[in-house]
N, C-alpha and C. Protein backbone atom coordinates (compact mmCIF):
# COMPACT_ATOMS: atom_id res chain seq x y z
N MET A 1 18.81 4.29 -1.43
CA MET A 1 17.53 4.20 -2.08
C MET A 1 16.49 4.89 -1.19
N LEU A 2 15.69 5.72 -1.78
CA LEU A 2 14.62 6.41 -1.08
C LEU A 2 13.31 5.68 -1.36
N MET A 3 12.59 5.32 -0.30
CA MET A 3 11.36 4.57 -0.50
C MET A 3 10.18 5.31 0.11
N LEU A 4 9.15 5.48 -0.71
CA LEU A 4 7.90 6.08 -0.27
C LEU A 4 7.01 4.98 0.30
N VAL A 5 6.48 5.22 1.49
CA VAL A 5 5.57 4.26 2.13
C VAL A 5 4.18 4.90 2.14
N ILE A 6 3.19 4.16 1.65
CA ILE A 6 1.81 4.63 1.61
C ILE A 6 0.96 3.70 2.46
N ARG A 7 0.26 4.27 3.42
CA ARG A 7 -0.56 3.47 4.32
C ARG A 7 -1.95 4.09 4.45
N ARG A 8 -2.87 3.32 4.99
CA ARG A 8 -4.24 3.74 5.24
C ARG A 8 -4.41 3.94 6.73
N LYS A 9 -4.93 5.07 7.14
CA LYS A 9 -5.23 5.36 8.53
C LYS A 9 -6.74 5.55 8.63
N VAL A 10 -7.38 4.78 9.51
CA VAL A 10 -8.84 4.84 9.65
C VAL A 10 -9.17 5.23 11.09
N GLU A 11 -9.92 6.31 11.20
CA GLU A 11 -10.42 6.75 12.50
C GLU A 11 -11.94 6.62 12.50
N ARG A 12 -12.55 6.90 13.61
CA ARG A 12 -13.99 6.72 13.74
C ARG A 12 -14.79 7.45 12.65
N ASN A 13 -14.46 8.71 12.39
CA ASN A 13 -15.26 9.52 11.47
C ASN A 13 -14.56 9.85 10.15
N GLN A 14 -13.29 9.52 10.00
CA GLN A 14 -12.54 9.91 8.80
C GLN A 14 -11.44 8.90 8.52
N SER A 15 -11.17 8.68 7.24
CA SER A 15 -10.04 7.85 6.82
C SER A 15 -9.04 8.71 6.07
N TYR A 16 -7.78 8.31 6.11
CA TYR A 16 -6.70 9.09 5.52
C TYR A 16 -5.78 8.20 4.70
N THR A 17 -5.15 8.80 3.70
CA THR A 17 -4.01 8.18 3.03
C THR A 17 -2.77 8.87 3.58
N VAL A 18 -1.83 8.07 4.06
CA VAL A 18 -0.63 8.60 4.71
C VAL A 18 0.58 8.32 3.83
N PHE A 19 1.35 9.36 3.52
CA PHE A 19 2.59 9.24 2.77
C PHE A 19 3.75 9.46 3.74
N MET A 20 4.74 8.54 3.71
CA MET A 20 5.89 8.66 4.60
C MET A 20 7.18 8.50 3.81
N LEU A 21 8.08 9.42 4.04
CA LEU A 21 9.46 9.36 3.56
C LEU A 21 10.34 9.67 4.77
N PRO A 22 11.62 9.36 4.73
CA PRO A 22 12.47 9.75 5.86
C PRO A 22 12.38 11.26 6.10
N GLY A 23 11.95 11.64 7.28
CA GLY A 23 11.82 13.05 7.62
C GLY A 23 10.57 13.73 7.08
N TYR A 24 9.64 12.97 6.50
CA TYR A 24 8.42 13.55 5.93
C TYR A 24 7.24 12.65 6.25
N PHE A 25 6.16 13.27 6.70
CA PHE A 25 4.93 12.55 7.03
C PHE A 25 3.78 13.45 6.66
N LYS A 26 2.88 12.98 5.81
CA LYS A 26 1.72 13.77 5.40
C LYS A 26 0.52 12.86 5.27
N GLU A 27 -0.62 13.30 5.81
CA GLU A 27 -1.84 12.52 5.66
C GLU A 27 -2.93 13.39 5.06
N TRP A 28 -3.70 12.78 4.15
CA TRP A 28 -4.80 13.46 3.48
C TRP A 28 -6.08 12.68 3.71
N PRO A 29 -7.18 13.39 3.99
CA PRO A 29 -8.47 12.70 4.07
C PRO A 29 -8.84 12.16 2.69
N THR A 30 -9.14 10.87 2.61
CA THR A 30 -9.50 10.23 1.34
C THR A 30 -10.56 9.17 1.58
N SER A 31 -11.33 8.90 0.54
CA SER A 31 -12.27 7.78 0.57
C SER A 31 -11.51 6.50 0.25
N ASP A 32 -12.16 5.36 0.43
CA ASP A 32 -11.52 4.09 0.07
C ASP A 32 -11.19 4.05 -1.42
N TYR A 33 -12.09 4.56 -2.24
CA TYR A 33 -11.86 4.60 -3.69
C TYR A 33 -10.63 5.46 -4.02
N GLU A 34 -10.55 6.65 -3.44
CA GLU A 34 -9.41 7.53 -3.71
C GLU A 34 -8.10 6.89 -3.26
N HIS A 35 -8.14 6.20 -2.12
CA HIS A 35 -6.94 5.53 -1.62
C HIS A 35 -6.47 4.46 -2.62
N GLN A 36 -7.40 3.66 -3.12
CA GLN A 36 -7.04 2.62 -4.10
C GLN A 36 -6.48 3.23 -5.38
N GLU A 37 -7.03 4.35 -5.82
CA GLU A 37 -6.51 5.02 -7.02
C GLU A 37 -5.10 5.54 -6.79
N ILE A 38 -4.82 6.04 -5.59
CA ILE A 38 -3.46 6.49 -5.25
C ILE A 38 -2.51 5.31 -5.29
N LEU A 39 -2.92 4.16 -4.74
CA LEU A 39 -2.07 2.97 -4.78
C LEU A 39 -1.78 2.56 -6.22
N LYS A 40 -2.76 2.66 -7.11
CA LYS A 40 -2.54 2.33 -8.52
C LYS A 40 -1.51 3.26 -9.15
N VAL A 41 -1.63 4.55 -8.89
CA VAL A 41 -0.71 5.54 -9.47
C VAL A 41 0.73 5.24 -9.06
N PHE A 42 0.92 4.89 -7.79
CA PHE A 42 2.26 4.62 -7.28
C PHE A 42 2.66 3.14 -7.39
N LYS A 43 1.87 2.36 -8.14
CA LYS A 43 2.13 0.94 -8.39
C LYS A 43 2.30 0.14 -7.10
N GLN A 44 1.42 0.40 -6.15
CA GLN A 44 1.41 -0.31 -4.88
C GLN A 44 0.18 -1.19 -4.72
N ASP A 45 -0.61 -1.33 -5.78
CA ASP A 45 -1.89 -2.03 -5.70
C ASP A 45 -1.82 -3.52 -5.97
N ARG A 46 -0.70 -3.99 -6.53
CA ARG A 46 -0.54 -5.41 -6.86
C ARG A 46 0.93 -5.63 -7.20
N PRO A 47 1.36 -6.86 -7.38
CA PRO A 47 2.76 -7.09 -7.78
C PRO A 47 3.04 -6.51 -9.17
N HIS A 48 4.18 -5.86 -9.32
CA HIS A 48 4.63 -5.32 -10.60
C HIS A 48 6.09 -5.74 -10.78
N ASP A 49 6.47 -6.15 -12.00
CA ASP A 49 7.86 -6.50 -12.27
C ASP A 49 8.76 -5.29 -12.05
N GLY A 50 9.83 -5.48 -11.29
CA GLY A 50 10.82 -4.43 -11.07
C GLY A 50 10.41 -3.37 -10.07
N ILE A 51 9.27 -3.52 -9.41
CA ILE A 51 8.79 -2.53 -8.43
C ILE A 51 8.80 -3.18 -7.05
N VAL A 52 9.44 -2.51 -6.10
CA VAL A 52 9.44 -2.98 -4.72
C VAL A 52 8.22 -2.40 -4.03
N ASN A 53 7.35 -3.27 -3.53
CA ASN A 53 6.18 -2.84 -2.77
C ASN A 53 5.84 -3.92 -1.75
N ASP A 54 4.72 -3.77 -1.05
CA ASP A 54 4.36 -4.75 -0.02
C ASP A 54 4.22 -6.15 -0.58
N TYR A 55 3.81 -6.27 -1.83
CA TYR A 55 3.64 -7.59 -2.44
C TYR A 55 4.97 -8.28 -2.63
N SER A 56 5.99 -7.53 -3.04
CA SER A 56 7.31 -8.14 -3.23
C SER A 56 8.03 -8.33 -1.90
N GLU A 57 7.85 -7.41 -0.96
CA GLU A 57 8.55 -7.47 0.32
C GLU A 57 7.97 -8.51 1.26
N PHE A 58 6.65 -8.69 1.27
CA PHE A 58 6.01 -9.58 2.22
C PHE A 58 5.39 -10.81 1.58
N GLY A 59 5.61 -11.01 0.28
CA GLY A 59 5.09 -12.19 -0.39
C GLY A 59 3.58 -12.25 -0.46
N LEU A 60 2.93 -11.09 -0.52
CA LEU A 60 1.47 -11.06 -0.61
C LEU A 60 1.04 -11.45 -2.01
N SER A 61 -0.14 -12.05 -2.11
CA SER A 61 -0.70 -12.38 -3.42
C SER A 61 -2.21 -12.22 -3.34
N ARG A 62 -2.84 -12.00 -4.47
CA ARG A 62 -4.29 -11.85 -4.51
C ARG A 62 -4.95 -13.22 -4.55
N LEU A 63 -6.06 -13.31 -3.86
CA LEU A 63 -6.86 -14.52 -3.86
C LEU A 63 -8.24 -14.19 -4.43
N PRO A 64 -9.00 -15.17 -4.86
CA PRO A 64 -10.36 -14.89 -5.32
C PRO A 64 -11.13 -14.12 -4.24
N GLY A 65 -11.89 -13.14 -4.67
CA GLY A 65 -12.65 -12.33 -3.72
C GLY A 65 -11.85 -11.19 -3.13
N SER A 66 -10.70 -10.87 -3.71
CA SER A 66 -9.84 -9.77 -3.27
C SER A 66 -9.32 -9.95 -1.85
N LEU A 67 -9.16 -11.19 -1.42
CA LEU A 67 -8.54 -11.46 -0.13
C LEU A 67 -7.04 -11.62 -0.34
N PHE A 68 -6.27 -11.48 0.72
CA PHE A 68 -4.83 -11.60 0.61
C PHE A 68 -4.34 -12.78 1.42
N GLU A 69 -3.19 -13.29 1.02
CA GLU A 69 -2.59 -14.42 1.70
C GLU A 69 -1.08 -14.20 1.73
N VAL A 70 -0.46 -14.51 2.84
CA VAL A 70 0.99 -14.41 2.93
C VAL A 70 1.55 -15.78 2.55
N GLU A 71 2.41 -15.78 1.55
CA GLU A 71 3.02 -17.02 1.07
C GLU A 71 4.28 -17.29 1.87
N ASN A 72 4.74 -18.53 1.86
CA ASN A 72 6.03 -18.84 2.45
C ASN A 72 7.08 -18.18 1.59
N ASN A 73 7.77 -17.23 2.14
CA ASN A 73 8.74 -16.43 1.40
C ASN A 73 10.12 -16.59 2.05
N PRO A 74 10.87 -17.63 1.68
CA PRO A 74 12.17 -17.84 2.30
C PRO A 74 13.11 -16.70 1.96
N ARG A 75 13.78 -16.19 2.96
CA ARG A 75 14.77 -15.11 2.77
C ARG A 75 16.01 -15.44 3.51
C-alpha cells in the first residue's frame, strides 16, 4: 500500500504544505486556508469511512471550537 503523508511546515516568514511519499518529498508555500483546502481534497481533514488518515490512525476527533482530542484507542 502506498500512503501519501501531508503535513504543515511553519517557519518564521513562510508556511508550507509538505507532501511525502516513499522516495518523494515536495513542499509548497501555502496559506493556512490553502492548506486546509488541500486536506479536504485528499480527505485528510476529518474522519471518513474507508479512508486511512490521522483521524483513523491516531484516534483523533473534533471537539467544539475546532480543538482536537486523542481518544483511548486500544490496538
